[in-house]
Amino acid sequence: VFENNVVNRAGSSSSIRSTQASQNEGGVPRGIVVSNNIFYNVSMTPLDLTNDVSAHVVEIGTPWEQPSATYNNITVFNNTMENPSSSGIAVWTASSVTLDGNTIINPVYIDMV
């Protein structure tokens, strides 16, 4: 559970992932709740999949993980994300994900060039 926090100017995202899920090593996160947080200017970096740098405030999984690394029972609700780069929330290789009541204000796209 990650709730009732204020995160300001953190350089990277709030990543929910297994350290070695793509190689089927380590556990797979389940039963995660992210709620009632305020994120200001978080993850203000360009999305760069080659260097594992995220541009999303809350990121669940990664786009290169195997389908066997399925995250489940993840709830992200009632969060405010102000000035995030990209979309604010990204979900890959996950099932039973609930996104509800999140507010994304002024998403900023940062070009990698």
N, C-alpha and C. Protein backbone atom coordinates (compact mmCIF):
# COMPACT_ATOMS: atom_id res chain seq x y z
N VAL A 1 0.85 -1.18 0.00
CA VAL A 1 0.00 0.00 0.00
C VAL A 1 0.89 1.24 0.00
N PHE A 2 0.61 2.15 -0.94
CA PHE A 2 1.29 3.45 -1.00
C PHE A 2 0.20 4.48 -1.03
N GLU A 3 -0.04 5.16 0.09
CA GLU A 3 -1.16 6.09 0.15
C GLU A 3 -0.87 7.29 1.03
N ASN A 4 -1.62 8.38 0.73
CA ASN A 4 -1.57 9.63 1.51
C ASN A 4 -0.18 10.26 1.54
N ASN A 5 0.49 10.27 0.39
CA ASN A 5 1.82 10.87 0.29
C ASN A 5 1.80 12.05 -0.66
N VAL A 6 2.79 12.93 -0.50
CA VAL A 6 3.04 13.99 -1.47
C VAL A 6 4.44 13.75 -2.02
N VAL A 7 4.52 13.60 -3.34
CA VAL A 7 5.80 13.35 -4.01
C VAL A 7 6.04 14.54 -4.93
N ASN A 8 7.16 15.24 -4.74
CA ASN A 8 7.45 16.45 -5.50
C ASN A 8 8.82 16.33 -6.16
N ARG A 9 8.85 16.46 -7.48
CA ARG A 9 10.07 16.51 -8.27
C ARG A 9 10.93 15.25 -8.14
N ALA A 10 10.31 14.11 -8.05
CA ALA A 10 11.07 12.85 -8.07
C ALA A 10 11.46 12.58 -9.52
N GLY A 11 12.67 12.11 -9.73
CA GLY A 11 13.19 11.97 -11.08
C GLY A 11 12.68 10.79 -11.84
N SER A 12 12.20 9.76 -11.17
CA SER A 12 11.74 8.57 -11.85
C SER A 12 10.33 8.25 -11.41
N SER A 13 9.81 7.17 -11.96
CA SER A 13 8.41 6.85 -11.71
C SER A 13 8.22 6.00 -10.47
N SER A 14 6.97 5.78 -10.13
CA SER A 14 6.59 4.82 -9.11
C SER A 14 6.35 3.51 -9.85
N SER A 15 7.37 2.70 -9.94
CA SER A 15 7.29 1.48 -10.74
C SER A 15 6.83 0.31 -9.91
N ILE A 16 5.87 -0.42 -10.44
CA ILE A 16 5.41 -1.67 -9.84
C ILE A 16 5.86 -2.76 -10.78
N ARG A 17 6.94 -3.43 -10.43
CA ARG A 17 7.44 -4.49 -11.29
C ARG A 17 8.35 -5.41 -10.50
N SER A 18 8.55 -6.58 -11.05
CA SER A 18 9.48 -7.54 -10.47
C SER A 18 10.87 -7.21 -11.00
N THR A 19 11.88 -7.40 -10.19
CA THR A 19 13.23 -7.07 -10.63
C THR A 19 13.68 -7.95 -11.79
N GLN A 20 13.22 -9.19 -11.85
CA GLN A 20 13.64 -10.09 -12.90
C GLN A 20 12.46 -10.84 -13.52
N ALA A 21 11.31 -10.19 -13.59
CA ALA A 21 10.13 -10.89 -14.10
C ALA A 21 10.30 -11.33 -15.54
N SER A 22 11.04 -10.56 -16.33
CA SER A 22 11.19 -10.93 -17.73
C SER A 22 12.00 -12.21 -17.89
N GLN A 23 12.78 -12.59 -16.88
CA GLN A 23 13.52 -13.84 -16.92
C GLN A 23 12.87 -14.89 -16.01
N ASN A 24 11.64 -14.61 -15.57
CA ASN A 24 10.90 -15.50 -14.68
C ASN A 24 11.65 -15.78 -13.37
N GLU A 25 12.34 -14.79 -12.88
CA GLU A 25 13.01 -14.88 -11.59
C GLU A 25 12.38 -13.85 -10.66
N GLY A 26 12.29 -14.15 -9.41
CA GLY A 26 11.72 -13.22 -8.46
C GLY A 26 10.20 -13.28 -8.47
N GLY A 27 9.59 -12.67 -7.50
CA GLY A 27 8.14 -12.66 -7.40
C GLY A 27 7.50 -11.65 -8.32
N VAL A 28 6.22 -11.83 -8.53
CA VAL A 28 5.44 -10.89 -9.34
C VAL A 28 4.53 -10.12 -8.40
N PRO A 29 4.57 -8.78 -8.44
CA PRO A 29 3.73 -7.98 -7.53
C PRO A 29 2.24 -8.25 -7.73
N ARG A 30 1.55 -8.44 -6.62
CA ARG A 30 0.10 -8.65 -6.62
C ARG A 30 -0.49 -7.94 -5.41
N GLY A 31 -1.74 -7.53 -5.52
CA GLY A 31 -2.41 -6.91 -4.39
C GLY A 31 -1.84 -5.55 -4.00
N ILE A 32 -1.50 -4.73 -4.98
CA ILE A 32 -0.90 -3.42 -4.74
C ILE A 32 -1.98 -2.34 -4.78
N VAL A 33 -1.91 -1.39 -3.85
CA VAL A 33 -2.84 -0.25 -3.82
C VAL A 33 -2.02 1.04 -3.80
N VAL A 34 -2.32 1.94 -4.73
CA VAL A 34 -1.72 3.28 -4.77
C VAL A 34 -2.90 4.24 -4.71
N SER A 35 -3.06 4.95 -3.59
CA SER A 35 -4.26 5.78 -3.44
C SER A 35 -4.00 7.07 -2.68
N ASN A 36 -4.80 8.07 -3.02
CA ASN A 36 -4.83 9.35 -2.31
C ASN A 36 -3.47 10.04 -2.20
N ASN A 37 -2.69 9.95 -3.27
CA ASN A 37 -1.37 10.59 -3.31
C ASN A 37 -1.43 11.82 -4.20
N ILE A 38 -0.49 12.72 -4.00
CA ILE A 38 -0.33 13.88 -4.88
C ILE A 38 1.08 13.82 -5.43
N PHE A 39 1.19 13.81 -6.76
CA PHE A 39 2.47 13.77 -7.45
C PHE A 39 2.63 15.08 -8.22
N TYR A 40 3.68 15.87 -7.92
CA TYR A 40 3.97 17.11 -8.63
C TYR A 40 5.27 16.93 -9.42
N ASN A 41 5.26 17.25 -10.71
CA ASN A 41 6.49 17.27 -11.51
C ASN A 41 7.31 15.99 -11.35
N VAL A 42 6.64 14.85 -11.40
CA VAL A 42 7.31 13.57 -11.21
C VAL A 42 7.64 12.96 -12.57
N SER A 43 8.80 12.34 -12.66
CA SER A 43 9.25 11.62 -13.84
C SER A 43 9.34 12.54 -15.05
N MET A 44 9.96 13.66 -14.86
CA MET A 44 10.09 14.63 -15.96
C MET A 44 11.26 14.28 -16.85
N THR A 45 11.29 13.04 -17.32
CA THR A 45 12.31 12.58 -18.25
C THR A 45 11.62 12.03 -19.48
N PRO A 46 12.30 12.01 -20.61
CA PRO A 46 11.68 11.42 -21.80
C PRO A 46 11.55 9.92 -21.66
N LEU A 47 10.55 9.34 -22.29
CA LEU A 47 10.39 7.90 -22.30
C LEU A 47 11.50 7.30 -23.15
N ASP A 48 12.32 6.47 -22.54
CA ASP A 48 13.45 5.87 -23.24
C ASP A 48 13.50 4.39 -22.87
N LEU A 49 12.82 3.56 -23.65
CA LEU A 49 12.75 2.14 -23.34
C LEU A 49 14.10 1.45 -23.44
N THR A 50 15.03 2.00 -24.19
CA THR A 50 16.33 1.36 -24.34
C THR A 50 17.17 1.48 -23.07
N ASN A 51 16.93 2.49 -22.28
CA ASN A 51 17.71 2.69 -21.05
C ASN A 51 16.86 2.51 -19.80
N ASP A 52 15.65 1.95 -19.94
CA ASP A 52 14.78 1.66 -18.80
C ASP A 52 14.44 2.92 -17.99
N VAL A 53 14.26 4.03 -18.68
CA VAL A 53 13.86 5.27 -18.02
C VAL A 53 12.38 5.48 -18.30
N SER A 54 11.60 5.67 -17.27
CA SER A 54 10.16 5.80 -17.44
C SER A 54 9.72 7.25 -17.47
N ALA A 55 8.68 7.50 -18.25
CA ALA A 55 8.12 8.84 -18.30
C ALA A 55 6.73 8.88 -17.68
N HIS A 56 6.36 7.85 -16.95
CA HIS A 56 5.03 7.77 -16.36
C HIS A 56 5.14 7.89 -14.85
N VAL A 57 4.17 8.53 -14.23
CA VAL A 57 4.20 8.68 -12.77
C VAL A 57 4.01 7.33 -12.10
N VAL A 58 3.02 6.57 -12.54
CA VAL A 58 2.79 5.22 -12.02
C VAL A 58 2.93 4.26 -13.19
N GLU A 59 3.83 3.32 -13.06
CA GLU A 59 4.09 2.36 -14.13
C GLU A 59 3.94 0.95 -13.58
N ILE A 60 3.11 0.14 -14.24
CA ILE A 60 2.87 -1.24 -13.81
C ILE A 60 3.43 -2.15 -14.88
N GLY A 61 4.49 -2.88 -14.56
CA GLY A 61 5.14 -3.75 -15.52
C GLY A 61 5.99 -2.97 -16.50
N THR A 62 6.42 -3.66 -17.55
CA THR A 62 7.19 -3.03 -18.62
C THR A 62 6.73 -3.60 -19.95
N PRO A 63 6.92 -2.87 -21.04
CA PRO A 63 6.44 -3.36 -22.32
C PRO A 63 7.22 -4.55 -22.86
N TRP A 64 8.38 -4.86 -22.32
CA TRP A 64 9.18 -5.96 -22.84
C TRP A 64 9.08 -7.23 -22.01
N GLU A 65 8.27 -7.25 -20.95
CA GLU A 65 8.15 -8.45 -20.14
C GLU A 65 7.31 -9.51 -20.83
N GLN A 66 7.59 -10.74 -20.51
CA GLN A 66 6.84 -11.87 -21.05
C GLN A 66 5.43 -11.87 -20.47
N PRO A 67 4.45 -12.38 -21.22
CA PRO A 67 3.08 -12.46 -20.68
C PRO A 67 2.99 -13.27 -19.39
N SER A 68 3.96 -14.15 -19.14
CA SER A 68 3.94 -14.93 -17.90
C SER A 68 4.19 -14.05 -16.68
N ALA A 69 4.74 -12.87 -16.90
CA ALA A 69 4.98 -11.94 -15.79
C ALA A 69 3.78 -11.03 -15.64
N THR A 70 2.63 -11.61 -15.34
CA THR A 70 1.40 -10.84 -15.26
C THR A 70 1.19 -10.33 -13.84
N TYR A 71 1.11 -9.03 -13.73
CA TYR A 71 0.81 -8.39 -12.46
C TYR A 71 -0.71 -8.41 -12.30
N ASN A 72 -1.20 -8.64 -11.10
CA ASN A 72 -2.66 -8.64 -10.94
C ASN A 72 -3.08 -8.09 -9.60
N ASN A 73 -4.37 -7.76 -9.56
CA ASN A 73 -4.99 -7.17 -8.38
C ASN A 73 -4.28 -5.88 -7.98
N ILE A 74 -4.18 -4.96 -8.94
CA ILE A 74 -3.53 -3.67 -8.73
C ILE A 74 -4.61 -2.59 -8.77
N THR A 75 -4.63 -1.71 -7.78
CA THR A 75 -5.62 -0.64 -7.72
C THR A 75 -4.90 0.70 -7.59
N VAL A 76 -5.22 1.62 -8.50
CA VAL A 76 -4.66 2.97 -8.47
C VAL A 76 -5.85 3.92 -8.49
N PHE A 77 -6.13 4.60 -7.36
CA PHE A 77 -7.31 5.45 -7.31
C PHE A 77 -7.10 6.71 -6.47
N ASN A 78 -7.87 7.74 -6.86
CA ASN A 78 -7.91 9.03 -6.16
C ASN A 78 -6.53 9.69 -6.00
N ASN A 79 -5.69 9.57 -7.02
CA ASN A 79 -4.40 10.24 -7.02
C ASN A 79 -4.49 11.48 -7.90
N THR A 80 -3.68 12.47 -7.58
CA THR A 80 -3.56 13.66 -8.41
C THR A 80 -2.14 13.71 -8.94
N MET A 81 -2.03 13.86 -10.27
CA MET A 81 -0.72 13.93 -10.92
C MET A 81 -0.67 15.22 -11.70
N GLU A 82 0.16 16.14 -11.23
CA GLU A 82 0.26 17.45 -11.87
C GLU A 82 1.61 17.58 -12.58
N ASN A 83 1.55 17.97 -13.86
CA ASN A 83 2.72 18.14 -14.73
C ASN A 83 3.52 16.85 -14.93
N PRO A 84 2.84 15.71 -15.14
CA PRO A 84 3.64 14.51 -15.44
C PRO A 84 4.10 14.54 -16.89
N SER A 85 5.22 13.94 -17.16
CA SER A 85 5.56 13.76 -18.57
C SER A 85 4.78 12.54 -19.06
N SER A 86 4.44 12.55 -20.31
CA SER A 86 3.70 11.45 -20.93
C SER A 86 2.30 11.32 -20.34
N SER A 87 1.85 10.09 -20.14
CA SER A 87 0.45 9.85 -19.84
C SER A 87 0.07 9.86 -18.37
N GLY A 88 1.04 9.82 -17.49
CA GLY A 88 0.72 9.77 -16.06
C GLY A 88 0.70 8.34 -15.55
N ILE A 89 -0.08 7.46 -16.20
CA ILE A 89 -0.19 6.06 -15.77
C ILE A 89 0.03 5.17 -16.99
N ALA A 90 0.86 4.14 -16.82
CA ALA A 90 1.09 3.17 -17.89
C ALA A 90 0.93 1.77 -17.31
N VAL A 91 0.25 0.90 -18.06
CA VAL A 91 0.02 -0.47 -17.60
C VAL A 91 0.40 -1.43 -18.73
N TRP A 92 1.26 -2.40 -18.41
CA TRP A 92 1.63 -3.46 -19.35
C TRP A 92 1.55 -4.80 -18.61
N THR A 93 1.37 -5.86 -19.33
CA THR A 93 1.36 -7.24 -18.80
C THR A 93 0.68 -7.34 -17.44
N ALA A 94 -0.55 -6.85 -17.37
CA ALA A 94 -1.26 -6.84 -16.10
C ALA A 94 -2.72 -7.24 -16.31
N SER A 95 -3.29 -7.83 -15.28
CA SER A 95 -4.72 -8.16 -15.30
C SER A 95 -5.32 -7.72 -13.97
N SER A 96 -6.63 -7.58 -13.95
CA SER A 96 -7.35 -7.13 -12.75
C SER A 96 -6.76 -5.83 -12.21
N VAL A 97 -6.66 -4.84 -13.09
CA VAL A 97 -6.17 -3.52 -12.71
C VAL A 97 -7.35 -2.57 -12.65
N THR A 98 -7.47 -1.83 -11.56
CA THR A 98 -8.53 -0.84 -11.41
C THR A 98 -7.90 0.54 -11.34
N LEU A 99 -8.30 1.42 -12.27
CA LEU A 99 -7.90 2.82 -12.26
C LEU A 99 -9.17 3.62 -12.09
N ASP A 100 -9.26 4.40 -11.02
CA ASP A 100 -10.51 5.10 -10.75
C ASP A 100 -10.24 6.41 -10.01
N GLY A 101 -10.86 7.48 -10.47
CA GLY A 101 -10.82 8.75 -9.76
C GLY A 101 -9.47 9.44 -9.76
N ASN A 102 -8.59 9.09 -10.68
CA ASN A 102 -7.29 9.76 -10.77
C ASN A 102 -7.43 11.03 -11.60
N THR A 103 -6.74 12.08 -11.20
CA THR A 103 -6.77 13.34 -11.92
C THR A 103 -5.38 13.64 -12.45
N ILE A 104 -5.29 13.83 -13.78
CA ILE A 104 -4.02 14.16 -14.41
C ILE A 104 -4.13 15.57 -14.96
N ILE A 105 -3.30 16.47 -14.42
CA ILE A 105 -3.35 17.88 -14.77
C ILE A 105 -2.11 18.26 -15.58
N ASN A 106 -2.32 18.84 -16.75
CA ASN A 106 -1.25 19.36 -17.58
C ASN A 106 -0.16 18.33 -17.88
N PRO A 107 -0.52 17.20 -18.53
CA PRO A 107 0.54 16.27 -18.92
C PRO A 107 1.47 16.92 -19.92
N VAL A 108 2.76 16.72 -19.74
CA VAL A 108 3.77 17.37 -20.56
C VAL A 108 4.51 16.29 -21.35
N TYR A 109 4.56 16.42 -22.66
CA TYR A 109 5.33 15.49 -23.47
C TYR A 109 6.71 16.08 -23.67
N ILE A 110 7.73 15.31 -23.33
CA ILE A 110 9.11 15.77 -23.51
C ILE A 110 9.72 14.96 -24.64
N ASP A 111 10.14 15.62 -25.69
CA ASP A 111 10.74 14.93 -26.83
C ASP A 111 12.15 14.49 -26.49
N MET A 112 12.51 13.27 -26.92
CA MET A 112 13.84 12.73 -26.63
C MET A 112 14.92 13.31 -27.52
N VAL A 113 14.57 14.04 -28.57
CA VAL A 113 15.58 14.54 -29.50
C VAL A 113 16.29 15.75 -28.92
